[in-house]
Protein backbone atom coordinates (compact mmCIF):
# COMPACT_ATOMS: atom_id res chain seq x y z
CA MET A 1 76.49 -21.79 51.76
CA LYS A 2 73.86 -20.83 49.18
CA GLN A 3 70.22 -21.28 50.10
CA ARG A 4 68.57 -23.96 47.96
CA PHE A 5 65.37 -22.85 46.30
CA PHE A 6 62.54 -25.17 45.27
CA SER A 7 59.52 -24.22 43.21
CA ALA A 8 56.49 -26.13 42.01
CA GLY A 9 57.08 -24.66 38.61
CA GLY A 10 57.60 -20.90 38.52
CA VAL A 11 54.78 -18.74 37.29
CA CYS A 12 52.47 -18.18 34.31
CA LEU A 13 51.43 -14.91 32.74
CA PRO A 14 48.02 -13.42 33.58
CA ARG A 15 45.00 -14.47 31.53
CA ARG A 16 44.56 -11.17 29.66
CA ARG A 17 48.15 -11.27 28.43
CA PHE A 18 47.68 -14.94 27.56
CA VAL A 19 44.72 -14.37 25.25
CA GLN A 20 46.48 -11.49 23.49
CA GLY A 21 49.60 -13.59 23.09
CA LEU A 22 47.59 -16.55 21.81
CA ALA A 23 46.15 -14.49 18.98
CA LEU A 24 49.57 -13.13 18.01
CA GLY A 25 51.27 -16.51 18.36
CA GLY A 26 48.64 -18.18 16.19
CA VAL A 27 49.10 -15.64 13.40
CA MET A 28 52.90 -15.87 13.49
CA ALA A 29 52.88 -19.65 13.59
CA GLY A 30 50.47 -19.72 10.68
CA LEU A 31 52.89 -17.60 8.67
CA GLY A 32 55.76 -19.88 9.66
CA LEU A 33 57.73 -16.95 11.06
CA ARG A 34 60.50 -17.13 13.64
CA THR A 35 59.35 -14.90 16.48
CA ALA A 36 60.49 -13.75 19.87
CA SER A 37 58.66 -15.16 22.87
CA ALA A 38 55.61 -13.17 23.94
CA LEU A 39 56.54 -13.48 27.61
CA VAL A 40 56.21 -10.16 29.47
CA PRO A 41 57.31 -8.94 32.91
CA THR A 42 53.97 -8.92 34.75
CA MET A 43 53.12 -12.20 36.49
CA LEU A 44 50.16 -12.82 38.75
CA SER A 45 49.41 -16.55 38.72
CA ASN A 46 51.60 -18.99 40.66
CA GLY A 47 52.07 -22.59 39.64
CA PRO A 48 50.59 -25.45 41.65
CA PRO A 49 51.28 -25.33 45.38
CA VAL A 50 53.86 -27.56 47.05
CA LEU A 51 52.54 -29.81 49.82
CA ARG A 52 55.19 -31.16 52.20
CA GLY A 53 55.14 -33.66 55.02
CA ASP A 54 53.76 -37.15 55.52
CA SER A 55 50.02 -36.51 55.83
CA PHE A 56 47.92 -35.03 53.02
CA GLN A 57 44.30 -34.25 52.19
CA LEU A 58 43.55 -34.33 48.46
CA THR A 59 40.16 -33.44 47.04
CA LEU A 60 39.13 -34.42 43.51
CA GLY A 61 36.75 -32.03 41.81
CA GLN A 62 36.00 -29.96 38.73
CA GLN A 63 37.27 -26.49 37.91
CA ALA A 64 36.60 -24.11 35.02
CA VAL A 65 39.72 -23.47 32.92
CA ASN A 66 40.42 -21.50 29.76
CA PHE A 67 43.51 -22.41 27.73
CA THR A 68 42.22 -21.52 24.26
CA GLY A 69 39.75 -18.68 24.70
CA THR A 70 36.92 -21.14 25.43
CA GLU A 71 36.01 -22.13 28.97
CA ARG A 72 35.91 -25.83 29.78
CA LEU A 73 35.65 -28.00 32.91
CA ALA A 74 38.86 -29.70 34.05
CA THR A 75 39.39 -32.48 36.59
CA THR A 76 41.50 -31.06 39.39
CA VAL A 77 43.09 -31.86 42.75
CA ASN A 78 42.46 -29.25 45.45
CA GLY A 79 41.29 -26.95 42.64
CA ASN A 80 44.66 -27.05 40.83
CA LEU A 81 45.80 -28.06 37.34
CA PRO A 82 48.40 -29.49 37.47
CA ALA A 83 47.66 -30.97 40.88
CA PRO A 84 49.77 -29.91 43.87
CA VAL A 85 53.39 -31.03 43.94
CA LEU A 86 53.81 -33.61 46.71
CA ARG A 87 57.17 -33.31 48.46
CA TRP A 88 58.11 -36.42 50.46
CA ARG A 89 61.21 -37.79 52.22
CA GLU A 90 62.70 -41.20 51.60
CA GLY A 91 62.16 -43.41 54.63
CA ASP A 92 58.91 -41.76 55.75
CA THR A 93 55.51 -43.40 55.67
CA VAL A 94 53.00 -41.14 53.93
CA MET A 95 49.24 -41.04 54.40
CA LEU A 96 47.03 -39.47 51.72
CA ARG A 97 43.29 -39.08 52.27
CA VAL A 98 41.67 -38.69 48.83
CA THR A 99 38.07 -37.45 48.75
CA ASN A 100 36.13 -37.73 45.51
CA HIS A 101 33.76 -34.82 44.79
CA LEU A 102 33.39 -35.86 41.16
CA PRO A 103 30.06 -37.30 39.96
CA VAL A 104 31.84 -40.47 38.80
CA MET A 105 34.23 -43.09 40.16
CA SER A 106 37.85 -41.99 40.41
CA SER A 107 41.31 -43.09 41.59
CA ILE A 108 44.93 -42.00 41.96
CA HIS A 109 47.90 -44.08 40.86
CA TRP A 110 51.38 -43.23 42.18
CA HIS A 111 53.33 -43.60 38.96
CA GLY A 112 56.77 -45.18 39.42
CA MET A 113 56.30 -45.70 43.14
CA VAL A 114 57.03 -49.15 44.55
CA VAL A 115 54.07 -49.60 46.90
CA PRO A 116 51.98 -52.50 48.26
CA THR A 117 49.57 -53.73 45.60
CA GLU A 118 46.50 -52.54 47.54
CA MET A 119 47.90 -48.98 47.50
CA ASP A 120 48.69 -48.87 43.75
CA GLY A 121 45.42 -47.16 42.87
CA VAL A 122 44.22 -49.18 39.85
CA PRO A 123 40.45 -49.88 40.04
CA HIS A 124 39.49 -53.56 39.89
CA PHE A 125 43.11 -54.61 40.42
CA SER A 126 44.14 -53.28 43.80
CA PHE A 127 40.93 -51.65 45.04
CA PRO A 128 37.40 -50.91 43.77
CA GLY A 129 38.05 -47.21 43.12
CA ILE A 130 36.82 -44.15 44.97
CA ALA A 131 33.07 -43.66 44.61
CA PRO A 132 31.51 -40.18 44.43
CA GLY A 133 31.40 -38.61 47.89
CA GLU A 134 33.72 -41.19 49.41
CA THR A 135 37.24 -40.95 50.84
CA PHE A 136 40.00 -43.51 50.39
CA THR A 137 43.16 -43.44 52.49
CA TYR A 138 46.44 -44.41 50.85
CA ARG A 139 49.22 -45.30 53.27
CA PHE A 140 52.64 -46.68 52.30
CA PRO A 141 56.36 -46.41 53.08
CA VAL A 142 58.52 -44.28 50.77
CA ARG A 143 61.39 -46.56 49.75
CA GLN A 144 62.92 -44.47 46.96
CA SER A 145 63.85 -40.92 46.05
CA GLY A 146 63.68 -38.80 42.91
CA THR A 147 61.08 -37.38 40.51
CA TYR A 148 57.79 -39.18 39.94
CA TRP A 149 54.16 -38.24 39.35
CA TYR A 150 50.59 -39.22 40.11
CA HIS A 151 47.46 -39.37 38.01
CA SER A 152 44.01 -40.84 37.74
CA HIS A 153 43.66 -44.41 36.50
CA SER A 154 39.93 -44.00 35.84
CA ASP A 155 38.26 -43.33 32.49
CA PHE A 156 39.89 -40.35 30.66
CA GLN A 157 40.41 -38.19 33.77
CA GLU A 158 44.14 -38.00 33.14
CA GLN A 159 43.40 -36.20 29.85
CA THR A 160 41.15 -33.69 31.59
CA GLY A 161 43.74 -32.63 34.16
CA LEU A 162 44.09 -35.10 37.02
CA TYR A 163 47.89 -35.32 37.27
CA GLY A 164 50.59 -33.89 39.53
CA ALA A 165 54.27 -34.18 40.43
CA ILE A 166 56.00 -36.08 43.23
CA VAL A 167 59.47 -35.06 44.44
CA ILE A 168 61.16 -37.27 47.03
CA ASP A 169 64.23 -36.06 48.91
CA PRO A 170 66.84 -38.80 49.47
CA LEU A 171 67.97 -40.04 52.87
CA GLN A 172 71.61 -39.46 51.93
CA PRO A 173 72.82 -36.12 50.53
CA ASP A 174 71.99 -35.80 46.84
CA PRO A 175 75.21 -36.03 44.79
CA MET A 176 73.69 -33.61 42.28
CA GLN A 177 72.99 -30.55 44.41
CA ALA A 178 71.46 -27.47 42.80
CA ASP A 179 70.77 -23.90 43.86
CA ARG A 180 67.30 -23.88 42.32
CA ASP A 181 64.96 -26.76 41.73
CA TYR A 182 61.97 -26.59 39.35
CA VAL A 183 59.36 -29.12 38.29
CA VAL A 184 58.63 -28.80 34.56
CA GLN A 185 55.45 -30.77 33.89
CA LEU A 186 54.44 -31.23 30.25
CA SER A 187 50.93 -32.17 29.16
CA ASP A 188 48.39 -31.94 26.36
CA TRP A 189 44.94 -30.37 26.69
CA THR A 190 41.92 -30.63 24.40
CA ASP A 191 38.68 -28.67 24.61
CA GLU A 192 36.95 -31.75 23.23
CA ASP A 193 35.36 -34.42 25.39
CA PRO A 194 37.97 -37.23 25.46
CA HIS A 195 35.22 -39.75 24.77
CA GLN A 196 34.55 -37.93 21.51
CA VAL A 197 38.26 -37.94 20.70
CA TYR A 198 38.30 -41.71 21.13
CA LEU A 199 35.16 -42.20 19.03
CA LYS A 200 36.67 -40.14 16.21
CA LEU A 201 39.82 -42.27 16.29
CA LYS A 202 37.75 -45.45 16.16
CA LYS A 203 35.88 -44.17 13.11
CA GLN A 204 38.88 -42.61 11.34
CA SER A 205 42.27 -43.26 12.94
CA HIS A 206 43.99 -40.42 11.04
CA TYR A 207 41.28 -37.88 11.89
CA TYR A 208 43.72 -35.56 13.70
CA ASN A 209 46.60 -36.00 11.24
CA ARG A 210 46.81 -32.80 9.19
CA SER A 211 50.25 -33.62 7.75
CA GLU A 212 49.41 -36.28 5.18
CA ARG A 213 51.02 -36.08 1.75
CA THR A 214 49.51 -33.72 -0.83
CA ALA A 215 49.77 -33.18 -4.59
CA GLY A 216 52.41 -30.57 -3.84
CA ASP A 217 54.49 -33.19 -2.04
CA LEU A 218 54.14 -35.50 -5.04
CA TRP A 219 55.48 -32.92 -7.48
CA ARG A 220 58.27 -32.01 -5.10
CA ASP A 221 59.29 -35.69 -4.80
CA ILE A 222 59.26 -36.11 -8.58
CA ARG A 223 61.47 -33.03 -8.93
CA ASP A 224 63.94 -34.19 -6.27
CA LYS A 225 63.94 -37.98 -6.80
CA GLY A 226 62.59 -38.60 -10.27
CA VAL A 227 59.47 -40.41 -11.39
CA ALA A 228 60.76 -43.97 -10.93
CA GLN A 229 61.87 -43.63 -7.31
CA THR A 230 58.82 -41.60 -6.36
CA TRP A 231 56.54 -44.21 -7.94
CA GLN A 232 58.34 -47.02 -6.12
CA GLU A 233 58.06 -45.30 -2.76
CA ARG A 234 54.40 -44.42 -3.19
CA ALA A 235 53.56 -47.92 -4.40
CA MET A 236 55.18 -49.49 -1.34
CA TRP A 237 53.26 -47.33 1.15
CA ASN A 238 50.00 -47.69 -0.80
CA GLN A 239 50.32 -51.48 -0.95
CA MET A 240 50.62 -51.56 2.81
CA ARG A 241 47.81 -49.01 3.23
CA MET A 242 50.09 -47.09 5.59
CA SER A 243 51.41 -43.56 5.83
CA ASP A 244 55.00 -42.43 6.37
CA ARG A 245 53.59 -39.50 8.35
CA ASP A 246 51.64 -41.57 10.85
CA LEU A 247 53.49 -40.17 13.87
CA SER A 248 50.82 -39.29 16.45
CA ASP A 249 47.18 -40.28 16.80
CA VAL A 250 46.13 -37.00 18.41
CA THR A 251 47.87 -33.79 17.41
CA GLY A 252 47.98 -30.03 17.78
CA TYR A 253 44.87 -29.91 15.62
CA THR A 254 42.96 -30.39 18.88
CA TYR A 255 45.73 -30.24 21.50
CA THR A 256 47.14 -27.22 23.30
CA PHE A 257 50.48 -28.18 24.81
CA LEU A 258 51.04 -27.05 28.39
CA MET A 259 54.12 -26.49 30.53
CA ASN A 260 53.22 -26.44 34.24
CA GLY A 261 49.65 -25.69 33.18
CA CYS A 262 50.70 -22.74 30.97
CA PRO A 263 49.84 -22.72 27.25
CA PRO A 264 52.58 -21.52 24.86
CA ALA A 265 51.34 -17.97 24.44
CA GLN A 266 51.03 -17.57 28.19
CA GLY A 267 54.35 -19.15 29.03
CA TRP A 268 56.00 -20.55 32.13
CA LEU A 269 58.81 -18.68 33.86
CA GLY A 270 61.65 -19.96 36.03
CA LEU A 271 64.09 -17.45 37.49
CA PHE A 272 67.82 -17.83 38.16
CA LYS A 273 70.87 -15.81 39.06
CA PRO A 274 73.83 -16.10 36.65
CA GLY A 275 76.23 -18.77 37.85
CA GLU A 276 73.59 -20.75 39.74
CA LYS A 277 73.06 -24.43 39.10
CA VAL A 278 69.40 -25.11 38.24
CA ARG A 279 67.73 -28.52 38.41
CA LEU A 280 64.79 -29.03 36.07
CA ARG A 281 62.61 -32.06 36.79
CA PHE A 282 60.86 -32.81 33.48
CA ILE A 283 57.73 -34.96 33.70
CA ASN A 284 55.70 -35.96 30.64
CA SER A 285 52.13 -36.10 31.93
CA ALA A 286 50.61 -35.95 28.45
CA ALA A 287 47.90 -38.35 27.42
CA MET A 288 49.32 -38.97 23.93
CA THR A 289 52.24 -36.65 23.14
CA PHE A 290 55.98 -37.29 22.98
CA PHE A 291 58.06 -34.12 23.37
CA ASP A 292 61.55 -33.23 22.11
CA VAL A 293 63.03 -30.86 24.68
CA ARG A 294 65.86 -28.34 24.29
CA ILE A 295 66.99 -25.05 25.79
CA PRO A 296 68.80 -23.21 22.96
CA GLY A 297 72.00 -21.70 24.27
CA LEU A 298 72.25 -24.07 27.24
CA GLN A 299 73.53 -27.61 27.44
CA MET A 300 71.67 -29.94 29.77
CA THR A 301 73.31 -32.56 31.96
CA VAL A 302 70.89 -35.44 32.47
CA VAL A 303 71.34 -36.78 36.01
CA ALA A 304 68.26 -38.95 36.55
CA ALA A 305 65.88 -41.04 34.47
CA ASP A 306 62.49 -42.07 35.87
CA GLY A 307 63.59 -40.91 39.32
CA GLN A 308 66.78 -42.98 39.42
CA ALA A 309 70.22 -41.36 39.42
CA ILE A 310 72.32 -42.07 36.33
CA GLN A 311 75.88 -41.31 35.36
CA PRO A 312 75.64 -37.71 34.08
CA VAL A 313 75.21 -37.25 30.32
CA THR A 314 75.51 -33.81 28.70
CA VAL A 315 73.16 -33.24 25.76
CA ASP A 316 71.53 -30.50 23.70
CA GLU A 317 68.18 -32.27 23.43
CA PHE A 318 66.21 -35.25 24.68
CA ARG A 319 63.01 -36.99 23.75
CA ILE A 320 60.69 -37.65 26.66
CA GLY A 321 58.01 -40.25 26.10
CA VAL A 322 54.62 -40.22 27.74
CA ALA A 323 54.99 -40.99 31.49
CA GLU A 324 58.81 -40.73 31.54
CA THR A 325 60.73 -38.29 33.76
CA TYR A 326 64.21 -36.83 33.30
CA ASP A 327 66.11 -34.58 35.70
CA VAL A 328 68.63 -32.21 34.12
CA LEU A 329 71.09 -29.64 35.46
CA VAL A 330 71.76 -26.37 33.66
CA GLU A 331 74.19 -23.61 34.60
CA PRO A 332 73.22 -20.35 32.89
CA GLN A 333 76.10 -17.89 33.17
CA ALA A 334 74.70 -14.93 31.26
CA ASP A 335 72.27 -12.27 32.41
CA ARG A 336 69.70 -13.28 29.77
CA ALA A 337 66.62 -15.39 29.06
CA TYR A 338 66.48 -18.87 27.53
CA SER A 339 63.50 -20.61 25.93
CA VAL A 340 62.53 -23.97 27.39
CA PHE A 341 61.17 -25.49 24.19
CA ALA A 342 59.32 -28.82 24.03
CA GLN A 343 58.08 -29.54 20.51
CA ALA A 344 55.64 -32.38 19.86
CA LEU A 345 57.14 -35.34 18.00
CA ASP A 346 54.82 -34.72 15.05
CA ARG A 347 55.75 -30.99 15.04
CA SER A 348 52.11 -29.96 15.33
CA GLY A 349 52.85 -27.61 18.24
CA TYR A 350 54.94 -27.08 21.33
CA ALA A 351 54.96 -26.33 25.04
CA LEU A 352 56.98 -23.27 26.02
CA GLY A 353 58.60 -21.58 28.97
CA LYS A 354 61.67 -19.56 29.76
CA LEU A 355 64.51 -19.46 32.23
CA ALA A 356 65.46 -15.86 32.90
CA ALA A 357 67.73 -13.80 35.12
CA ASP A 358 65.00 -11.15 35.07
CA PRO A 359 61.33 -11.60 34.13
CA ALA A 360 61.52 -8.58 31.80
CA LEU A 361 64.04 -10.31 29.54
CA VAL A 362 62.70 -11.81 26.31
CA ALA A 363 63.72 -15.30 25.15
CA GLU A 364 63.86 -15.97 21.44
CA LEU A 365 61.42 -18.62 20.26
CA PRO A 366 63.27 -21.25 18.18
CA ALA A 367 61.83 -22.50 14.93
CA MET A 368 60.25 -25.94 15.00
CA ASP A 369 62.08 -28.72 13.21
CA ALA A 370 60.80 -30.14 9.93
CA LEU A 371 58.07 -32.77 9.99
CA PRO A 372 59.67 -36.21 10.55
CA ILE A 373 59.15 -38.86 7.88
CA LEU A 374 59.03 -42.54 8.77
CA THR A 375 61.42 -44.91 6.99
CA HIS A 376 61.55 -48.65 6.30
CA GLY A 377 63.74 -49.06 9.37
CA ASP A 378 60.95 -47.55 11.47
CA MET A 379 58.74 -50.38 10.25
CA GLY A 380 61.20 -53.14 11.19
CA MET A 381 61.56 -54.23 7.57
CA GLY A 382 64.04 -56.81 6.38
CA MET A 383 64.89 -57.24 2.74
CA GLY A 384 62.16 -59.80 2.17
CA HIS A 385 59.34 -57.96 3.96
CA GLY A 386 57.30 -61.14 3.83
CA ALA A 387 56.09 -60.83 7.40
CA HIS A 388 53.87 -57.83 6.80
CA ALA A 389 50.45 -59.31 7.22
CA GLY A 390 48.37 -59.31 4.07
CA HIS A 391 51.01 -57.77 1.83
CA ASP A 392 53.44 -59.49 -0.54
CA MET A 393 56.45 -57.23 -0.26
CA ALA A 394 59.03 -59.84 -1.31
CA GLY A 395 61.51 -58.84 -3.94
CA MET A 396 61.13 -55.10 -3.49
CA ASP A 397 64.37 -53.14 -3.36
CA HIS A 398 64.27 -50.50 -0.65
CA SER A 399 68.00 -50.14 -0.17
CA ALA A 400 68.01 -46.51 -1.26
CA HIS A 401 65.82 -45.39 1.60
CA ALA A 402 67.74 -43.68 4.39
CA GLY A 403 67.19 -45.33 7.73
CA HIS A 404 66.50 -48.82 6.37
CA ASP A 405 69.38 -50.53 8.16
CA MET A 406 69.33 -48.94 11.57
CA ALA A 407 72.32 -50.93 12.75
CA ALA A 408 74.44 -49.23 10.11
CA MET A 409 73.09 -45.72 10.50
CA ASP A 410 75.61 -42.89 10.87
CA HIS A 411 74.76 -40.80 13.92
CA SER A 412 78.07 -38.96 13.84
CA ALA A 413 76.29 -35.60 13.91
CA HIS A 414 75.83 -36.09 17.64
CA ALA A 415 78.89 -34.03 18.44
CA GLY A 416 81.34 -35.61 20.83
CA HIS A 417 79.35 -38.84 21.27
CA GLN A 418 81.22 -42.10 20.93
CA MET A 419 78.81 -44.17 18.87
CA MET A 420 79.48 -47.64 20.25
CA PRO A 421 76.25 -49.68 20.17
CA PRO A 422 76.08 -52.16 23.04
CA PRO A 423 76.74 -55.81 22.12
CA MET A 424 73.09 -56.81 22.15
CA GLY A 425 72.18 -60.42 21.57
CA SER A 426 74.60 -62.14 23.95
CA GLY A 427 71.78 -63.19 26.24
CA LYS A 428 73.73 -62.20 29.35
CA ALA A 429 72.13 -59.85 31.87
CA GLY A 430 72.50 -56.30 30.62
CA TYR A 431 72.99 -57.27 26.97
CA GLY A 432 69.56 -58.26 25.71
CA SER A 433 68.01 -61.35 24.20
CA ASN A 434 69.33 -63.90 21.70
CA ALA A 435 65.97 -65.67 21.45
CA PRO A 436 64.47 -66.15 17.96
CA LEU A 437 61.58 -63.97 16.87
CA VAL A 438 58.26 -65.72 17.50
CA HIS A 439 54.86 -64.44 16.38
CA ALA A 440 51.77 -65.76 18.15
CA LYS A 441 49.04 -67.26 15.98
CA GLU A 442 46.66 -64.54 17.23
CA GLU A 443 48.77 -61.96 15.39
CA GLU A 444 47.48 -63.27 12.06
CA GLY A 445 43.94 -62.05 12.74
CA PRO A 446 42.12 -58.84 11.79
CA GLN A 447 43.32 -57.11 14.95
CA VAL A 448 46.88 -56.84 13.52
CA ASP A 449 47.71 -54.98 10.30
CA MET A 450 51.51 -55.05 10.47
CA LEU A 451 54.31 -57.33 11.66
CA ALA A 452 57.97 -56.30 11.92
CA ASP A 453 59.99 -59.05 10.26
CA ALA A 454 63.44 -57.72 11.19
CA PRO A 455 63.16 -55.72 14.44
CA GLN A 456 66.51 -54.52 15.80
CA TYR A 457 67.79 -53.18 19.09
CA ARG A 458 68.06 -49.46 18.38
CA LEU A 459 69.33 -48.08 21.67
CA ASP A 460 71.80 -45.87 19.79
CA ASP A 461 69.07 -44.43 17.55
CA PRO A 462 67.56 -41.15 18.85
CA GLY A 463 64.37 -41.82 16.90
CA VAL A 464 62.51 -40.40 13.94
CA GLY A 465 62.86 -36.64 13.72
CA LEU A 466 66.06 -36.48 15.80
CA ARG A 467 68.57 -38.31 13.62
CA ASN A 468 71.51 -36.29 12.33
CA ASN A 469 69.97 -32.97 13.34
CA GLY A 470 73.31 -31.45 14.36
CA ARG A 471 72.48 -31.56 18.07
CA ARG A 472 73.68 -33.99 20.69
CA VAL A 473 70.57 -36.01 21.55
CA LEU A 474 70.13 -38.31 24.55
CA LEU A 475 70.08 -42.00 23.62
CA TYR A 476 68.91 -44.98 25.64
CA SER A 477 72.42 -46.39 25.16
CA ASP A 478 73.69 -43.40 27.21
CA LEU A 479 71.83 -44.50 30.33
CA ARG A 480 74.02 -46.04 33.04
CA ASN A 481 72.96 -46.39 36.66
CA LEU A 482 75.00 -44.15 38.96
CA HIS A 483 75.24 -47.04 41.41
CA PRO A 484 76.04 -50.74 40.85
CA THR A 485 73.24 -52.89 39.43
CA PRO A 486 70.89 -53.64 42.36
CA ASP A 487 70.12 -57.19 41.20
CA PRO A 488 73.00 -58.66 39.13
CA ARG A 489 71.40 -62.10 38.69
CA GLU A 490 71.05 -63.63 35.24
CA PRO A 491 67.46 -63.99 34.00
CA GLU A 492 65.89 -67.38 34.65
CA ARG A 493 63.55 -67.15 31.68
CA GLU A 494 62.33 -64.78 29.00
CA ILE A 495 58.90 -63.46 28.07
CA GLN A 496 58.55 -62.13 24.52
CA LEU A 497 55.68 -59.73 23.91
CA HIS A 498 54.68 -58.10 20.65
CA LEU A 499 53.08 -54.67 20.62
CA THR A 500 50.35 -55.02 18.02
CA GLY A 501 47.56 -53.02 16.46
CA ASN A 502 45.28 -52.39 13.54
CA MET A 503 45.50 -48.68 12.84
CA HIS A 504 42.50 -48.62 10.50
CA ARG A 505 40.23 -50.14 13.13
CA TYR A 506 42.09 -48.40 15.96
CA MET A 507 42.62 -51.65 17.86
CA TRP A 508 45.63 -52.15 20.18
CA SER A 509 46.90 -55.25 21.94
CA PHE A 510 49.79 -57.40 23.16
CA ASN A 511 50.47 -60.40 20.89
CA GLY A 512 47.28 -59.67 18.97
CA VAL A 513 45.10 -60.25 22.06
CA ALA A 514 43.23 -57.35 23.63
CA PHE A 515 43.10 -57.01 27.41
CA ALA A 516 39.50 -58.23 27.67
CA ASP A 517 40.52 -61.61 26.19
CA ALA A 518 44.02 -61.96 27.68
CA GLU A 519 45.24 -64.23 30.46
CA PRO A 520 47.46 -62.74 33.21
CA LEU A 521 51.23 -62.95 32.93
CA LEU A 522 52.35 -65.05 35.89
CA LEU A 523 55.66 -64.39 37.65
CA LYS A 524 57.02 -66.49 40.48
CA HIS A 525 57.88 -64.45 43.56
CA GLY A 526 61.61 -63.79 43.68
CA GLU A 527 62.48 -64.82 40.14
CA ARG A 528 64.50 -62.71 37.69
CA VAL A 529 62.82 -62.47 34.27
CA ARG A 530 63.77 -60.88 30.97
CA ILE A 531 60.93 -59.19 29.08
CA THR A 532 61.60 -58.53 25.40
CA LEU A 533 59.19 -56.19 23.65
CA ILE A 534 58.87 -56.18 19.84
CA ASN A 535 57.00 -53.24 18.33
CA ASP A 536 54.98 -54.46 15.35
CA THR A 537 53.46 -51.02 14.78
CA MET A 538 54.55 -47.70 13.28
CA MET A 539 54.21 -45.78 16.53
CA ASN A 540 56.34 -45.29 19.63
CA HIS A 541 54.81 -47.02 22.66
CA PRO A 542 55.61 -46.12 26.29
CA ILE A 543 55.22 -49.38 28.23
CA HIS A 544 54.69 -49.07 31.98
CA LEU A 545 54.90 -51.91 34.49
CA HIS A 546 53.33 -51.12 37.87
CA GLY A 547 54.89 -52.15 41.16
CA LEU A 548 58.15 -53.55 39.73
CA TRP A 549 61.26 -51.94 38.26
CA SER A 550 62.12 -52.39 34.59
CA ASP A 551 65.93 -52.76 34.47
CA LEU A 552 66.75 -51.59 30.95
CA GLU A 553 69.49 -53.56 29.18
CA THR A 554 71.79 -50.98 27.58
CA GLY A 555 75.04 -52.95 27.33
CA ASP A 556 76.57 -52.53 30.80
CA ALA A 557 75.80 -55.36 33.20
CA ASP A 558 77.38 -53.52 36.13
CA HIS A 559 75.28 -50.34 35.90
CA ILE A 560 71.87 -51.34 34.53
CA PRO A 561 69.53 -48.32 34.67
CA ARG A 562 66.14 -48.72 36.34
CA LYS A 563 63.03 -47.34 34.67
CA HIS A 564 59.30 -47.49 35.26
CA THR A 565 58.38 -46.63 31.65
CA VAL A 566 60.22 -47.95 28.60
CA ILE A 567 59.83 -46.49 25.09
CA VAL A 568 59.75 -49.00 22.24
CA GLN A 569 60.45 -47.39 18.87
CA PRO A 570 58.45 -48.32 15.75
CA GLY A 571 59.58 -51.61 14.24
CA ALA A 572 62.20 -52.11 16.99
CA LYS A 573 62.73 -54.35 19.99
CA ILE A 574 64.00 -53.69 23.50
CA SER A 575 64.69 -55.82 26.58
CA TYR A 576 64.67 -55.31 30.31
CA LEU A 577 65.00 -57.41 33.42
CA VAL A 578 62.38 -57.64 36.15
CA SER A 579 62.85 -58.87 39.70
CA ALA A 580 59.49 -60.24 40.84
CA ASP A 581 59.90 -58.99 44.40
CA SER A 582 56.41 -57.56 45.05
CA LEU A 583 53.50 -59.95 45.47
CA GLY A 584 50.15 -59.02 44.00
CA ARG A 585 48.29 -57.99 40.87
CA TRP A 586 49.96 -55.31 38.76
CA ALA A 587 48.82 -53.38 35.70
CA TYR A 588 51.06 -53.53 32.64
CA HIS A 589 50.17 -51.34 29.70
CA CYS A 590 50.96 -48.81 27.02
CA HIS A 591 50.71 -45.36 28.59
CA LEU A 592 49.18 -43.74 25.50
CA LEU A 593 45.75 -43.14 26.98
CA TYR A 594 43.71 -44.11 23.90
CA HIS A 595 45.75 -47.30 23.41
CA MET A 596 45.36 -48.48 26.98
CA LEU A 597 41.97 -50.14 26.57
CA GLY A 598 43.54 -52.89 24.46
CA MET A 599 47.33 -52.80 25.00
CA PHE A 600 47.01 -53.80 28.65
CA ARG A 601 47.80 -56.93 30.62
CA GLU A 602 47.67 -58.07 34.22
CA VAL A 603 50.97 -59.20 35.74
CA ARG A 604 50.44 -61.43 38.73
CA VAL A 605 53.34 -62.15 41.11
CA ILE A 606 52.53 -65.32 43.05
């Protein structure tokens, strides 16, 4: 029997090589050239340590780091960024003593873990927080297995480095055994003070967007589409005071994208022997960045989503939203190196690593895809468009715009995928909602600048930037629980929530009401509830419910997949079922860090 190998995340290159590679990589990227990876054989710095057992001592502090050539202070756990990987066993009770050596209040939330409410780690919900110089002891039973993560739920500490991975070994033998097992933790780092980032967004929401249309784009559109169509398109976007390139609030203009704490020019390395089966546990610990992940030359078999085993799906690429996790298996046969390439959704940069049979082997760096362009479908537009607040869009003909009718889109380029959208709208458990669209009166105020008048279930849509790209991309409609649905009950009632915002004022909310003014959502203990989310904005939102599973309705009532974070595409809707089986107060929010102040609710199970 082969010995199974687990690593926190391979290794990074030494700092001197990193700085040299950064300069070269910046020049080549600026020229738009396709280059080979700058990874070199010498490696001195290990990834974060792995802590095993059921009793842990974690110390929160500050550590000098240098990802860009400029030294900055990061928030760390036991002096590490990312924080140590915590390796637990299902069925154990773990105790974690967390000591705060920071000058400010702090906390740790165990993301995706089903724990007693007082152990959830959200200040002012479950406990007061951990004051400077104090120690708080978390203690809870481990009732699940899989890949999860932990992070601060205080201020902007998550952005400055306070995040780490959790890997839980199952009680029963894992059906997806691997010879090697790596955590691949993605994140975004800025040398700026996160408070300044937020203030810039409040003053000018597109401050970090360096991909807006230019005069050159105008002339190119006129050449390709003609004056009339170009004028019509520009008039529509100008009337709405919106941009078809509004993809990410914070971009590579300030962000350096990290893989296991390694910037792209430094690189992360995971070793294998040809013929081995390698498990990669991808965790998106970024504050604001969605990543599109691929390993050119290797297909990936997705075996778990948000820690829960799913029926295996083989893909070339997947999008991982902020706070999501995906486990994939790869089986490299050749004695070569492969790039692990995670490009930001807005194509402003990427995180990079390589899988290699030998560290001396060089992996080719793939070219980034073209900048995605938002369509009418991404805005949830119907033919009338009358629901867009403050804009009379009625009578406009947008039928020529690709992506308008998402239900009719041709995704046939996803090789080998049977494009059969689930029969959403039946109202039965697993199939989504048939309730009419209802907008709250609060959505008519200045805190909301857009309403989707025809949101659709788009589980078979890979999302902007991934459609018809010639690669097989993971879809939400692909997700099926490996095991029978844990709670097959029909929902007793439905809660409809709109994800709302005013991009110009950088205000975010549920149903047009910011957290400070919102009443808790009340769930009766033991009930089964459907939550339907409608995204009335132009951005993807990762919605995370603490303490309770979100059973995503993908069209199979018998194998409903369980998630802790659900991505809602722009102008779309999505539904999931919740079993209110954990008493207490639970946070419910968008996991984009700079949206969280407003797009946040309390869920109270009573």
